[in-house]
């Protein structure tokens, strides 16, 4: 693995990776290029207060979105628990996100 820094990175890089947030996803939510976010998290540039706020808000929005999705999925799973091993026609099942 190639080392891009002197060993120091911004804390949000650690959290972004821990939470499974991709640079592309974060960039999309923040409205900032992934290259710029990468250079900030690798401490190659400090970034502006505005970009810091946008990154912070984007990470929060992503995590809140995932929490909402997880709650919906858990609720759906619980409602279907009695039927987990029932035979169904796969072509008749709608799967979110596909």
Protein backbone atom coordinates (compact mmCIF):
# COMPACT_ATOMS: atom_id res chain seq x y z
CA UNK A 1 0.00 0.00 0.00
CA UNK A 2 1.36 3.38 -0.99
CA UNK A 3 1.76 5.95 1.79
CA UNK A 4 0.47 9.42 0.85
CA UNK A 5 1.20 11.29 4.07
CA UNK A 6 3.66 11.49 6.91
CA UNK A 7 1.38 9.13 8.83
CA UNK A 8 -1.11 11.75 9.95
CA UNK A 9 -4.63 12.03 8.63
CA UNK A 10 -7.74 13.94 9.70
CA UNK A 11 -9.95 12.14 12.19
CA UNK A 12 -12.89 12.19 9.79
CA UNK A 13 -10.96 9.85 7.44
CA UNK A 14 -10.77 7.26 10.21
CA UNK A 15 -14.50 7.65 10.92
CA UNK A 16 -15.43 7.70 7.22
CA UNK A 17 -13.65 4.41 6.68
CA UNK A 18 -14.93 2.91 9.93
CA UNK A 19 -18.52 3.72 8.94
CA UNK A 20 -18.04 2.46 5.38
CA UNK A 21 -18.61 5.84 3.74
CA UNK A 22 -16.87 6.07 0.38
CA UNK A 23 -15.16 9.21 -0.85
CA UNK A 24 -17.58 9.28 -3.77
CA UNK A 25 -20.61 9.08 -1.46
CA UNK A 26 -19.26 11.78 0.84
CA UNK A 27 -18.41 14.02 -2.11
CA UNK A 28 -21.89 13.60 -3.54
CA UNK A 29 -23.59 14.51 -0.26
CA UNK A 30 -21.21 17.41 0.42
CA UNK A 31 -21.17 18.81 -3.10
CA UNK A 32 -17.37 18.80 -3.05
CA UNK A 33 -15.06 16.82 -5.31
CA UNK A 34 -13.73 13.54 -3.95
CA UNK A 35 -10.19 14.69 -4.84
CA UNK A 36 -10.58 17.75 -2.64
CA UNK A 37 -11.98 15.72 0.26
CA UNK A 38 -9.13 13.25 -0.11
CA UNK A 39 -6.54 16.01 0.02
CA UNK A 40 -8.17 17.41 3.18
CA UNK A 41 -8.36 14.05 4.94
CA UNK A 42 -4.73 13.28 4.03
CA UNK A 43 -3.71 16.67 5.47
CA UNK A 44 -2.38 17.80 2.11
CA UNK A 45 -4.56 20.90 2.41
CA UNK A 46 -6.35 22.32 5.41
CA UNK A 47 -9.60 23.08 3.62
CA UNK A 48 -11.87 25.99 4.38
CA UNK A 49 -14.31 26.41 7.25
CA UNK A 50 -17.08 26.12 4.67
CA UNK A 51 -15.78 22.82 3.31
CA UNK A 52 -15.30 21.48 6.84
CA UNK A 53 -18.95 22.28 7.64
CA UNK A 54 -20.15 20.69 4.40
CA UNK A 55 -18.17 17.51 5.09
CA UNK A 56 -19.47 17.38 8.66
CA UNK A 57 -23.09 17.84 7.54
CA UNK A 58 -22.68 15.28 4.77
CA UNK A 59 -21.30 12.62 7.13
CA UNK A 60 -24.16 13.24 9.54
CA UNK A 61 -26.74 13.04 6.74
CA UNK A 62 -25.29 9.77 5.44
CA UNK A 63 -25.31 8.19 8.89
CA UNK A 64 -28.87 9.39 9.59
CA UNK A 65 -29.99 8.00 6.22
CA UNK A 66 -28.44 4.64 7.00
CA UNK A 67 -30.06 4.58 10.43
CA UNK A 68 -33.46 5.25 8.89
CA UNK A 69 -32.89 2.51 6.31
CA UNK A 70 -31.76 0.10 9.04
CA UNK A 71 -34.87 0.81 11.10
CA UNK A 72 -37.11 0.23 8.06
CA UNK A 73 -35.27 -2.98 7.19
CA UNK A 74 -35.53 -4.28 10.74
CA UNK A 75 -39.23 -3.48 10.87
CA UNK A 76 -39.82 -5.22 7.54
CA UNK A 77 -37.78 -8.22 8.65
CA UNK A 78 -39.73 -8.52 11.91
CA UNK A 79 -43.05 -8.37 10.05
CA UNK A 80 -41.89 -11.14 7.70
CA UNK A 81 -40.21 -13.31 10.31
CA UNK A 82 -43.02 -15.90 10.37
CA UNK A 83 -42.69 -16.34 6.61
CA UNK A 84 -38.91 -16.49 6.21
CA UNK A 85 -38.95 -20.04 4.90
CA UNK A 86 -42.11 -19.85 2.81
CA UNK A 87 -41.70 -20.59 -0.87
CA UNK A 88 -42.25 -17.53 -3.09
CA UNK A 89 -41.87 -16.75 -6.78
CA UNK A 90 -38.68 -14.69 -7.01
CA UNK A 91 -39.85 -12.74 -10.05
CA UNK A 92 -42.84 -11.46 -8.05
CA UNK A 93 -40.73 -10.06 -5.21
CA UNK A 94 -39.72 -6.41 -5.37
CA UNK A 95 -36.31 -5.70 -3.89
CA UNK A 96 -35.50 -2.11 -2.98
CA UNK A 97 -32.49 -0.66 -4.75
CA UNK A 98 -32.59 -3.10 -7.68
